[in-house]
Amino acid sequence: KQLEGCTAVINLVGILNEGSGRTFQRVHVDLVERILAAAQAVE
């Protein structure tokens, strides 16, 4: 929904330490998969 109408997406999200449900895997890997899938879905 949020990427609709955009010409580019920039991902600056990162964490130095894990905690409160935010793991390295979720933030650095799983989120990238989500971004790529969403960006390709709305072109």
PDB file of all heavy atoms in Angstrom:
ATOM      1  N   LYS A   1       0.830  -1.212   0.000  1.00  0.00           N
ATOM      2  CA  LYS A   1       0.000   0.000   0.000  1.00  0.00           C
ATOM      3  C   LYS A   1       0.863   1.260   0.000  1.00  0.00           C
ATOM      4  O   LYS A   1       0.595   2.214  -0.745  1.00  0.00           O
ATOM      5  CB  LYS A   1      -0.914  -0.005   1.226  1.00  0.00           C
ATOM      6  CG  LYS A   1      -1.795   1.221   1.339  1.00  0.00           C
ATOM      7  CD  LYS A   1      -2.685   1.148   2.576  1.00  0.00           C
ATOM      8  CE  LYS A   1      -3.527   2.400   2.715  1.00  0.00           C
ATOM      9  NZ  LYS A   1      -4.383   2.347   3.940  1.00  0.00           N
ATOM     10  N   GLN A   2       1.928   1.264   0.820  1.00  0.00           N
ATOM     11  CA  GLN A   2       2.732   2.470   0.967  1.00  0.00           C
ATOM     12  C   GLN A   2       3.687   2.701  -0.203  1.00  0.00           C
ATOM     13  O   GLN A   2       4.126   3.830  -0.434  1.00  0.00           O
ATOM     14  CB  GLN A   2       3.538   2.400   2.279  1.00  0.00           C
ATOM     15  CG  GLN A   2       2.694   2.289   3.535  1.00  0.00           C
ATOM     16  CD  GLN A   2       1.843   3.526   3.776  1.00  0.00           C
ATOM     17  OE1 GLN A   2       1.834   4.466   2.978  1.00  0.00           O
ATOM     18  NE2 GLN A   2       1.110   3.525   4.868  1.00  0.00           N
ATOM     19  N   LEU A   3       4.012   1.649  -0.941  1.00  0.00           N
ATOM     20  CA  LEU A   3       4.928   1.808  -2.068  1.00  0.00           C
ATOM     21  C   LEU A   3       4.232   2.199  -3.364  1.00  0.00           C
ATOM     22  O   LEU A   3       4.894   2.527  -4.352  1.00  0.00           O
ATOM     23  CB  LEU A   3       5.709   0.512  -2.294  1.00  0.00           C
ATOM     24  CG  LEU A   3       6.722   0.113  -1.218  1.00  0.00           C
ATOM     25  CD1 LEU A   3       7.398  -1.206  -1.574  1.00  0.00           C
ATOM     26  CD2 LEU A   3       7.769   1.197  -1.026  1.00  0.00           C
ATOM     27  N   GLU A   4       2.916   2.168  -3.366  1.00  0.00           N
ATOM     28  CA  GLU A   4       2.175   2.529  -4.589  1.00  0.00           C
ATOM     29  C   GLU A   4       2.508   3.959  -5.015  1.00  0.00           C
ATOM     30  O   GLU A   4       2.515   4.881  -4.211  1.00  0.00           O
ATOM     31  CB  GLU A   4       0.672   2.378  -4.364  1.00  0.00           C
ATOM     32  CG  GLU A   4       0.216   0.928  -4.317  1.00  0.00           C
ATOM     33  CD  GLU A   4      -1.290   0.829  -4.174  1.00  0.00           C
ATOM     34  OE1 GLU A   4      -1.954   1.885  -4.048  1.00  0.00           O
ATOM     35  OE2 GLU A   4      -1.809  -0.300  -4.173  1.00  0.00           O
ATOM     36  N   GLY A   5       2.794   4.129  -6.289  1.00  0.00           N
ATOM     37  CA  GLY A   5       3.081   5.451  -6.833  1.00  0.00           C
ATOM     38  C   GLY A   5       4.522   5.900  -6.664  1.00  0.00           C
ATOM     39  O   GLY A   5       4.872   7.017  -7.064  1.00  0.00           O
ATOM     40  N   CYS A   6       5.377   5.054  -6.077  1.00  0.00           N
ATOM     41  CA  CYS A   6       6.776   5.434  -5.867  1.00  0.00           C
ATOM     42  C   CYS A   6       7.645   4.934  -7.021  1.00  0.00           C
ATOM     43  O   CYS A   6       7.361   3.909  -7.639  1.00  0.00           O
ATOM     44  CB  CYS A   6       7.285   4.857  -4.547  1.00  0.00           C
ATOM     45  SG  CYS A   6       6.503   5.592  -3.088  1.00  0.00           S
ATOM     46  N   THR A   7       8.701   5.672  -7.274  1.00  0.00           N
ATOM     47  CA  THR A   7       9.644   5.275  -8.318  1.00  0.00           C
ATOM     48  C   THR A   7      10.862   4.563  -7.746  1.00  0.00           C
ATOM     49  O   THR A   7      11.636   3.958  -8.493  1.00  0.00           O
ATOM     50  CB  THR A   7      10.112   6.499  -9.115  1.00  0.00           C
ATOM     51  OG1 THR A   7      10.650   7.473  -8.201  1.00  0.00           O
ATOM     52  CG2 THR A   7       8.956   7.126  -9.872  1.00  0.00           C
ATOM     53  N   ALA A   8      11.047   4.637  -6.420  1.00  0.00           N
ATOM     54  CA  ALA A   8      12.176   3.965  -5.781  1.00  0.00           C
ATOM     55  C   ALA A   8      11.865   3.764  -4.301  1.00  0.00           C
ATOM     56  O   ALA A   8      11.068   4.495  -3.712  1.00  0.00           O
ATOM     57  CB  ALA A   8      13.456   4.777  -5.941  1.00  0.00           C
ATOM     58  N   VAL A   9      12.515   2.754  -3.726  1.00  0.00           N
ATOM     59  CA  VAL A   9      12.425   2.519  -2.283  1.00  0.00           C
ATOM     60  C   VAL A   9      13.844   2.419  -1.741  1.00  0.00           C
ATOM     61  O   VAL A   9      14.724   1.824  -2.367  1.00  0.00           O
ATOM     62  CB  VAL A   9      11.605   1.243  -1.959  1.00  0.00           C
ATOM     63  CG1 VAL A   9      12.160   0.024  -2.670  1.00  0.00           C
ATOM     64  CG2 VAL A   9      11.546   1.013  -0.449  1.00  0.00           C
ATOM     65  N   ILE A  10      14.068   3.059  -0.590  1.00  0.00           N
ATOM     66  CA  ILE A  10      15.376   3.039   0.063  1.00  0.00           C
ATOM     67  C   ILE A  10      15.207   2.403   1.434  1.00  0.00           C
ATOM     68  O   ILE A  10      14.362   2.836   2.225  1.00  0.00           O
ATOM     69  CB  ILE A  10      15.957   4.459   0.198  1.00  0.00           C
ATOM     70  CG1 ILE A  10      16.125   5.103  -1.185  1.00  0.00           C
ATOM     71  CG2 ILE A  10      17.291   4.426   0.935  1.00  0.00           C
ATOM     72  CD1 ILE A  10      16.595   6.549  -1.129  1.00  0.00           C
ATOM     73  N   ASN A  11      16.011   1.403   1.712  1.00  0.00           N
ATOM     74  CA  ASN A  11      15.928   0.690   2.989  1.00  0.00           C
ATOM     75  C   ASN A  11      17.134   1.037   3.858  1.00  0.00           C
ATOM     76  O   ASN A  11      18.261   0.626   3.577  1.00  0.00           O
ATOM     77  CB  ASN A  11      15.870  -0.818   2.749  1.00  0.00           C
ATOM     78  CG  ASN A  11      15.813  -1.602   4.042  1.00  0.00           C
ATOM     79  OD1 ASN A  11      15.464  -1.071   5.098  1.00  0.00           O
ATOM     80  ND2 ASN A  11      16.149  -2.868   3.977  1.00  0.00           N
ATOM     81  N   LEU A  12      16.879   1.801   4.934  1.00  0.00           N
ATOM     82  CA  LEU A  12      17.918   2.163   5.894  1.00  0.00           C
ATOM     83  C   LEU A  12      17.760   1.420   7.212  1.00  0.00           C
ATOM     84  O   LEU A  12      18.488   1.696   8.172  1.00  0.00           O
ATOM     85  CB  LEU A  12      17.875   3.674   6.174  1.00  0.00           C
ATOM     86  CG  LEU A  12      18.045   4.618   4.983  1.00  0.00           C
ATOM     87  CD1 LEU A  12      17.839   6.059   5.434  1.00  0.00           C
ATOM     88  CD2 LEU A  12      19.414   4.456   4.346  1.00  0.00           C
ATOM     89  N   VAL A  13      16.822   0.487   7.284  1.00  0.00           N
ATOM     90  CA  VAL A  13      16.484  -0.158   8.545  1.00  0.00           C
ATOM     91  C   VAL A  13      17.589  -1.118   8.976  1.00  0.00           C
ATOM     92  O   VAL A  13      18.082  -1.924   8.181  1.00  0.00           O
ATOM     93  CB  VAL A  13      15.154  -0.923   8.433  1.00  0.00           C
ATOM     94  CG1 VAL A  13      14.808  -1.604   9.760  1.00  0.00           C
ATOM     95  CG2 VAL A  13      14.031   0.018   8.022  1.00  0.00           C
ATOM     96  N   GLY A  14      17.992  -1.014  10.238  1.00  0.00           N
ATOM     97  CA  GLY A  14      18.994  -1.926  10.780  1.00  0.00           C
ATOM     98  C   GLY A  14      19.047  -1.797  12.283  1.00  0.00           C
ATOM     99  O   GLY A  14      18.657  -0.768  12.853  1.00  0.00           O
ATOM    100  N   ILE A  15      19.495  -2.848  12.951  1.00  0.00           N
ATOM    101  CA  ILE A  15      19.665  -2.822  14.404  1.00  0.00           C
ATOM    102  C   ILE A  15      21.052  -3.353  14.748  1.00  0.00           C
ATOM    103  O   ILE A  15      21.602  -4.187  14.043  1.00  0.00           O
ATOM    104  CB  ILE A  15      18.583  -3.661  15.126  1.00  0.00           C
ATOM    105  CG1 ILE A  15      18.572  -5.107  14.603  1.00  0.00           C
ATOM    106  CG2 ILE A  15      17.216  -3.011  14.975  1.00  0.00           C
ATOM    107  CD1 ILE A  15      17.646  -6.039  15.374  1.00  0.00           C
ATOM    108  N   LEU A  16      21.622  -2.849  15.825  1.00  0.00           N
ATOM    109  CA  LEU A  16      22.914  -3.329  16.309  1.00  0.00           C
ATOM    110  C   LEU A  16      22.755  -4.399  17.372  1.00  0.00           C
ATOM    111  O   LEU A  16      23.677  -5.183  17.608  1.00  0.00           O
ATOM    112  CB  LEU A  16      23.738  -2.161  16.871  1.00  0.00           C
ATOM    113  CG  LEU A  16      24.225  -1.133  15.847  1.00  0.00           C
ATOM    114  CD1 LEU A  16      24.911   0.029  16.562  1.00  0.00           C
ATOM    115  CD2 LEU A  16      25.178  -1.780  14.854  1.00  0.00           C
ATOM    116  N   ASN A  17      21.581  -4.411  18.032  1.00  0.00           N
ATOM    117  CA  ASN A  17      21.311  -5.397  19.070  1.00  0.00           C
ATOM    118  C   ASN A  17      19.885  -5.899  18.939  1.00  0.00           C
ATOM    119  O   ASN A  17      18.991  -5.163  18.503  1.00  0.00           O
ATOM    120  CB  ASN A  17      21.504  -4.785  20.468  1.00  0.00           C
ATOM    121  CG  ASN A  17      22.943  -4.399  20.740  1.00  0.00           C
ATOM    122  OD1 ASN A  17      23.854  -5.180  20.509  1.00  0.00           O
ATOM    123  ND2 ASN A  17      23.149  -3.177  21.214  1.00  0.00           N
ATOM    124  N   GLU A  18      19.673  -7.133  19.333  1.00  0.00           N
ATOM    125  CA  GLU A  18      18.342  -7.726  19.292  1.00  0.00           C
ATOM    126  C   GLU A  18      17.577  -7.405  20.571  1.00  0.00           C
ATOM    127  O   GLU A  18      18.164  -7.127  21.611  1.00  0.00           O
ATOM    128  CB  GLU A  18      18.444  -9.241  19.105  1.00  0.00           C
ATOM    129  CG  GLU A  18      19.076  -9.644  17.792  1.00  0.00           C
ATOM    130  CD  GLU A  18      19.207 -11.143  17.640  1.00  0.00           C
ATOM    131  OE1 GLU A  18      19.719 -11.786  18.573  1.00  0.00           O
ATOM    132  OE2 GLU A  18      18.792 -11.674  16.580  1.00  0.00           O
ATOM    133  N   GLY A  19      16.244  -7.479  20.472  1.00  0.00           N
ATOM    134  CA  GLY A  19      15.415  -7.248  21.650  1.00  0.00           C
ATOM    135  C   GLY A  19      14.007  -6.895  21.267  1.00  0.00           C
ATOM    136  O   GLY A  19      13.747  -6.414  20.157  1.00  0.00           O
ATOM    137  N   SER A  20      13.070  -7.131  22.168  1.00  0.00           N
ATOM    138  CA  SER A  20      11.652  -6.773  21.995  1.00  0.00           C
ATOM    139  C   SER A  20      11.085  -7.300  20.680  1.00  0.00           C
ATOM    140  O   SER A  20      10.369  -6.599  19.960  1.00  0.00           O
ATOM    141  CB  SER A  20      11.469  -5.244  22.058  1.00  0.00           C
ATOM    142  OG  SER A  20      11.965  -4.734  23.272  1.00  0.00           O
ATOM    143  N   GLY A  21      11.418  -8.553  20.344  1.00  0.00           N
ATOM    144  CA  GLY A  21      10.877  -9.166  19.140  1.00  0.00           C
ATOM    145  C   GLY A  21      11.569  -8.760  17.855  1.00  0.00           C
ATOM    146  O   GLY A  21      11.225  -9.243  16.775  1.00  0.00           O
ATOM    147  N   ARG A  22      12.552  -7.880  17.954  1.00  0.00           N
ATOM    148  CA  ARG A  22      13.285  -7.428  16.769  1.00  0.00           C
ATOM    149  C   ARG A  22      14.607  -8.191  16.716  1.00  0.00           C
ATOM    150  O   ARG A  22      15.560  -7.850  17.422  1.00  0.00           O
ATOM    151  CB  ARG A  22      13.514  -5.919  16.820  1.00  0.00           C
ATOM    152  CG  ARG A  22      12.216  -5.129  16.712  1.00  0.00           C
ATOM    153  CD  ARG A  22      12.428  -3.647  16.998  1.00  0.00           C
ATOM    154  NE  ARG A  22      13.212  -2.994  15.976  1.00  0.00           N
ATOM    155  CZ  ARG A  22      12.717  -2.518  14.845  1.00  0.00           C
ATOM    156  NH1 ARG A  22      11.432  -2.661  14.573  1.00  0.00           N
ATOM    157  NH2 ARG A  22      13.486  -1.897  13.980  1.00  0.00           N
ATOM    158  N   THR A  23      14.650  -9.211  15.898  1.00  0.00           N
ATOM    159  CA  THR A  23      15.853 -10.024  15.752  1.00  0.00           C
ATOM    160  C   THR A  23      16.604  -9.619  14.497  1.00  0.00           C
ATOM    161  O   THR A  23      16.047  -9.004  13.579  1.00  0.00           O
ATOM    162  CB  THR A  23      15.494 -11.510  15.667  1.00  0.00           C
ATOM    163  OG1 THR A  23      14.755 -11.745  14.445  1.00  0.00           O
ATOM    164  CG2 THR A  23      14.659 -11.952  16.863  1.00  0.00           C
ATOM    165  N   PHE A  24      17.885  -9.978  14.443  1.00  0.00           N
ATOM    166  CA  PHE A  24      18.672  -9.700  13.242  1.00  0.00           C
ATOM    167  C   PHE A  24      18.036 -10.348  12.020  1.00  0.00           C
ATOM    168  O   PHE A  24      17.971  -9.743  10.947  1.00  0.00           O
ATOM    169  CB  PHE A  24      20.096 -10.233  13.419  1.00  0.00           C
ATOM    170  CG  PHE A  24      20.924  -9.467  14.421  1.00  0.00           C
ATOM    171  CD1 PHE A  24      21.668 -10.137  15.379  1.00  0.00           C
ATOM    172  CD2 PHE A  24      20.978  -8.084  14.399  1.00  0.00           C
ATOM    173  CE1 PHE A  24      22.451  -9.441  16.296  1.00  0.00           C
ATOM    174  CE2 PHE A  24      21.750  -7.373  15.313  1.00  0.00           C
ATOM    175  CZ  PHE A  24      22.493  -8.062  16.268  1.00  0.00           C
ATOM    176  N   GLN A  25      17.566 -11.573  12.162  1.00  0.00           N
ATOM    177  CA  GLN A  25      16.948 -12.281  11.041  1.00  0.00           C
ATOM    178  C   GLN A  25      15.715 -11.535  10.538  1.00  0.00           C
ATOM    179  O   GLN A  25      15.536 -11.345   9.329  1.00  0.00           O
ATOM    180  CB  GLN A  25      16.563 -13.709  11.467  1.00  0.00           C
ATOM    181  CG  GLN A  25      15.779 -14.499  10.432  1.00  0.00           C
ATOM    182  CD  GLN A  25      16.585 -14.873   9.204  1.00  0.00           C
ATOM    183  OE1 GLN A  25      17.805 -15.051   9.296  1.00  0.00           O
ATOM    184  NE2 GLN A  25      15.934 -14.995   8.060  1.00  0.00           N
ATOM    185  N   ARG A  26      14.878 -11.107  11.454  1.00  0.00           N
ATOM    186  CA  ARG A  26      13.631 -10.443  11.057  1.00  0.00           C
ATOM    187  C   ARG A  26      13.888  -9.095  10.385  1.00  0.00           C
ATOM    188  O   ARG A  26      13.255  -8.759   9.381  1.00  0.00           O
ATOM    189  CB  ARG A  26      12.738 -10.247  12.280  1.00  0.00           C
ATOM    190  CG  ARG A  26      11.345  -9.736  11.943  1.00  0.00           C
ATOM    191  CD  ARG A  26      10.533  -9.489  13.183  1.00  0.00           C
ATOM    192  NE  ARG A  26       9.143  -9.187  12.858  1.00  0.00           N
ATOM    193  CZ  ARG A  26       8.361  -8.376  13.561  1.00  0.00           C
ATOM    194  NH1 ARG A  26       8.832  -7.781  14.647  1.00  0.00           N
ATOM    195  NH2 ARG A  26       7.118  -8.143  13.195  1.00  0.00           N
ATOM    196  N   VAL A  27      14.822  -8.323  10.947  1.00  0.00           N
ATOM    197  CA  VAL A  27      15.047  -6.960  10.465  1.00  0.00           C
ATOM    198  C   VAL A  27      15.954  -6.921   9.240  1.00  0.00           C
ATOM    199  O   VAL A  27      15.700  -6.162   8.293  1.00  0.00           O
ATOM    200  CB  VAL A  27      15.633  -6.089  11.600  1.00  0.00           C
ATOM    201  CG1 VAL A  27      15.998  -4.698  11.088  1.00  0.00           C
ATOM    202  CG2 VAL A  27      14.640  -5.983  12.752  1.00  0.00           C
ATOM    203  N   HIS A  28      17.000  -7.728   9.227  1.00  0.00           N
ATOM    204  CA  HIS A  28      18.003  -7.640   8.157  1.00  0.00           C
ATOM    205  C   HIS A  28      17.735  -8.569   6.983  1.00  0.00           C
ATOM    206  O   HIS A  28      18.270  -8.350   5.894  1.00  0.00           O
ATOM    207  CB  HIS A  28      19.394  -7.942   8.720  1.00  0.00           C
ATOM    208  CG  HIS A  28      19.859  -6.978   9.756  1.00  0.00           C
ATOM    209  ND1 HIS A  28      20.871  -7.259  10.664  1.00  0.00           N
ATOM    210  CD2 HIS A  28      19.454  -5.709  10.033  1.00  0.00           C
ATOM    211  CE1 HIS A  28      21.058  -6.220  11.448  1.00  0.00           C
ATOM    212  NE2 HIS A  28      20.220  -5.261  11.083  1.00  0.00           N
ATOM    213  N   VAL A  29      16.946  -9.623   7.210  1.00  0.00           N
ATOM    214  CA  VAL A  29      16.717 -10.601   6.145  1.00  0.00           C
ATOM    215  C   VAL A  29      15.243 -10.664   5.748  1.00  0.00           C
ATOM    216  O   VAL A  29      14.882 -10.400   4.592  1.00  0.00           O
ATOM    217  CB  VAL A  29      17.207 -12.007   6.570  1.00  0.00           C
ATOM    218  CG1 VAL A  29      17.024 -12.996   5.414  1.00  0.00           C
ATOM    219  CG2 VAL A  29      18.664 -11.960   7.010  1.00  0.00           C
ATOM    220  N   ASP A  30      14.381 -10.992   6.722  1.00  0.00           N
ATOM    221  CA  ASP A  30      12.958 -11.152   6.407  1.00  0.00           C
ATOM    222  C   ASP A  30      12.355  -9.858   5.867  1.00  0.00           C
ATOM    223  O   ASP A  30      11.544  -9.883   4.931  1.00  0.00           O
ATOM    224  CB  ASP A  30      12.178 -11.600   7.653  1.00  0.00           C
ATOM    225  CG  ASP A  30      12.637 -12.962   8.171  1.00  0.00           C
ATOM    226  OD1 ASP A  30      13.356 -13.660   7.432  1.00  0.00           O
ATOM    227  OD2 ASP A  30      12.274 -13.312   9.310  1.00  0.00           O
ATOM    228  N   LEU A  31      12.753  -8.724   6.435  1.00  0.00           N
ATOM    229  CA  LEU A  31      12.216  -7.443   5.962  1.00  0.00           C
ATOM    230  C   LEU A  31      12.632  -7.177   4.517  1.00  0.00           C
ATOM    231  O   LEU A  31      11.834  -6.664   3.724  1.00  0.00           O
ATOM    232  CB  LEU A  31      12.680  -6.300   6.862  1.00  0.00           C
ATOM    233  CG  LEU A  31      12.223  -4.900   6.431  1.00  0.00           C
ATOM    234  CD1 LEU A  31      10.700  -4.794   6.388  1.00  0.00           C
ATOM    235  CD2 LEU A  31      12.814  -3.823   7.351  1.00  0.00           C
ATOM    236  N   VAL A  32      13.850  -7.524   4.164  1.00  0.00           N
ATOM    237  CA  VAL A  32      14.303  -7.325   2.777  1.00  0.00           C
ATOM    238  C   VAL A  32      13.447  -8.145   1.827  1.00  0.00           C
ATOM    239  O   VAL A  32      13.049  -7.665   0.747  1.00  0.00           O
ATOM    240  CB  VAL A  32      15.796  -7.689   2.636  1.00  0.00           C
ATOM    241  CG1 VAL A  32      16.237  -7.589   1.174  1.00  0.00           C
ATOM    242  CG2 VAL A  32      16.650  -6.780   3.506  1.00  0.00           C
ATOM    243  N   GLU A  33      13.137  -9.372   2.196  1.00  0.00           N
ATOM    244  CA  GLU A  33      12.257 -10.206   1.366  1.00  0.00           C
ATOM    245  C   GLU A  33      10.906  -9.539   1.183  1.00  0.00           C
ATOM    246  O   GLU A  33      10.338  -9.522   0.084  1.00  0.00           O
ATOM    247  CB  GLU A  33      12.087 -11.583   2.000  1.00  0.00           C
ATOM    248  CG  GLU A  33      13.335 -12.445   1.953  1.00  0.00           C
ATOM    249  CD  GLU A  33      13.094 -13.829   2.538  1.00  0.00           C
ATOM    250  OE1 GLU A  33      12.353 -13.930   3.538  1.00  0.00           O
ATOM    251  OE2 GLU A  33      13.635 -14.804   1.972  1.00  0.00           O
ATOM    252  N   ARG A  34      10.367  -8.974   2.273  1.00  0.00           N
ATOM    253  CA  ARG A  34       9.074  -8.285   2.199  1.00  0.00           C
ATOM    254  C   ARG A  34       9.138  -7.070   1.274  1.00  0.00           C
ATOM    255  O   ARG A  34       8.231  -6.834   0.476  1.00  0.00           O
ATOM    256  CB  ARG A  34       8.644  -7.817   3.593  1.00  0.00           C
ATOM    257  CG  ARG A  34       8.094  -8.908   4.509  1.00  0.00           C
ATOM    258  CD  ARG A  34       7.849  -8.327   5.897  1.00  0.00           C
ATOM    259  NE  ARG A  34       7.153  -9.256   6.756  1.00  0.00           N
ATOM    260  CZ  ARG A  34       5.838  -9.264   6.947  1.00  0.00           C
ATOM    261  NH1 ARG A  34       5.086  -8.379   6.301  1.00  0.00           N
ATOM    262  NH2 ARG A  34       5.268 -10.125   7.756  1.00  0.00           N
ATOM    263  N   ILE A  35      10.207  -6.296   1.407  1.00  0.00           N
ATOM    264  CA  ILE A  35      10.352  -5.090   0.583  1.00  0.00           C
ATOM    265  C   ILE A  35      10.418  -5.453  -0.894  1.00  0.00           C
ATOM    266  O   ILE A  35       9.737  -4.845  -1.740  1.00  0.00           O
ATOM    267  CB  ILE A  35      11.615  -4.303   0.995  1.00  0.00           C
ATOM    268  CG1 ILE A  35      11.468  -3.755   2.412  1.00  0.00           C
ATOM    269  CG2 ILE A  35      11.869  -3.161   0.010  1.00  0.00           C
ATOM    270  CD1 ILE A  35      12.763  -3.187   2.974  1.00  0.00           C
ATOM    271  N   LEU A  36      11.233  -6.436  -1.213  1.00  0.00           N
ATOM    272  CA  LEU A  36      11.394  -6.829  -2.613  1.00  0.00           C
ATOM    273  C   LEU A  36      10.083  -7.346  -3.197  1.00  0.00           C
ATOM    274  O   LEU A  36       9.710  -6.997  -4.327  1.00  0.00           O
ATOM    275  CB  LEU A  36      12.481  -7.899  -2.734  1.00  0.00           C
ATOM    276  CG  LEU A  36      13.901  -7.455  -2.373  1.00  0.00           C
ATOM    277  CD1 LEU A  36      14.837  -8.656  -2.336  1.00  0.00           C
ATOM    278  CD2 LEU A  36      14.412  -6.406  -3.348  1.00  0.00           C
ATOM    279  N   ALA A  37       9.379  -8.169  -2.427  1.00  0.00           N
ATOM    280  CA  ALA A  37       8.109  -8.716  -2.911  1.00  0.00           C
ATOM    281  C   ALA A  37       7.083  -7.610  -3.109  1.00  0.00           C
ATOM    282  O   ALA A  37       6.366  -7.576  -4.122  1.00  0.00           O
ATOM    283  CB  ALA A  37       7.590  -9.760  -1.930  1.00  0.00           C
ATOM    284  N   ALA A  38       7.006  -6.695  -2.145  1.00  0.00           N
ATOM    285  CA  ALA A  38       6.030  -5.604  -2.243  1.00  0.00           C
ATOM    286  C   ALA A  38       6.371  -4.670  -3.395  1.00  0.00           C
ATOM    287  O   ALA A  38       5.486  -4.240  -4.153  1.00  0.00           O
ATOM    288  CB  ALA A  38       5.997  -4.829  -0.927  1.00  0.00           C
ATOM    289  N   ALA A  39       7.657  -4.334  -3.542  1.00  0.00           N
ATOM    290  CA  ALA A  39       8.063  -3.420  -4.608  1.00  0.00           C
ATOM    291  C   ALA A  39       7.769  -3.999  -5.984  1.00  0.00           C
ATOM    292  O   ALA A  39       7.297  -3.291  -6.882  1.00  0.00           O
ATOM    293  CB  ALA A  39       9.549  -3.098  -4.468  1.00  0.00           C
ATOM    294  N   GLN A  40       8.022  -5.283  -6.145  1.00  0.00           N
ATOM    295  CA  GLN A  40       7.749  -5.905  -7.436  1.00  0.00           C
ATOM    296  C   GLN A  40       6.250  -6.040  -7.685  1.00  0.00           C
ATOM    297  O   GLN A  40       5.798  -5.936  -8.823  1.00  0.00           O
ATOM    298  CB  GLN A  40       8.439  -7.265  -7.502  1.00  0.00           C
ATOM    299  CG  GLN A  40       9.959  -7.128  -7.572  1.00  0.00           C
ATOM    300  CD  GLN A  40      10.677  -8.455  -7.623  1.00  0.00           C
ATOM    301  OE1 GLN A  40      10.768  -9.083  -8.683  1.00  0.00           O
ATOM    302  NE2 GLN A  40      11.191  -8.903  -6.489  1.00  0.00           N
ATOM    303  N   ALA A  41       5.484  -6.215  -6.611  1.00  0.00           N
ATOM    304  CA  ALA A  41       4.036  -6.348  -6.761  1.00  0.00           C
ATOM    305  C   ALA A  41       3.405  -5.062  -7.281  1.00  0.00           C
ATOM    306  O   ALA A  41       2.427  -5.099  -8.037  1.00  0.00           O
ATOM    307  CB  ALA A  41       3.401  -6.744  -5.431  1.00  0.00           C
ATOM    308  N   VAL A  42       3.933  -3.905  -6.869  1.00  0.00           N
ATOM    309  CA  VAL A  42       3.360  -2.627  -7.313  1.00  0.00           C
ATOM    310  C   VAL A  42       4.275  -1.930  -8.326  1.00  0.00           C
ATOM    311  O   VAL A  42       4.116  -0.745  -8.605  1.00  0.00           O
ATOM    312  CB  VAL A  42       3.075  -1.700  -6.109  1.00  0.00           C
ATOM    313  CG1 VAL A  42       2.020  -2.313  -5.214  1.00  0.00           C
ATOM    314  CG2 VAL A  42       4.338  -1.401  -5.309  1.00  0.00           C
ATOM    315  N   GLU A  43       5.251  -2.675  -8.844  1.00  0.00           N
ATOM    316  CA  GLU A  43       6.109  -2.233  -9.953  1.00  0.00           C
ATOM    317  C   GLU A  43       6.950  -1.003  -9.612  1.00  0.00           C
ATOM    318  O   GLU A  43       7.041  -0.052 -10.394  1.00  0.00           O
ATOM    319  CB  GLU A  43       5.259  -1.983 -11.201  1.00  0.00           C
ATOM    320  CG  GLU A  43       4.530  -3.237 -11.686  1.00  0.00           C
ATOM    321  CD  GLU A  43       3.738  -3.003 -12.954  1.00  0.00           C
ATOM    322  OE1 GLU A  43       3.407  -1.839 -13.248  1.00  0.00           O
ATOM    323  OE2 GLU A  43       3.484  -3.994 -13.665  1.00  0.00           O
TER     324      GLU A  43
END
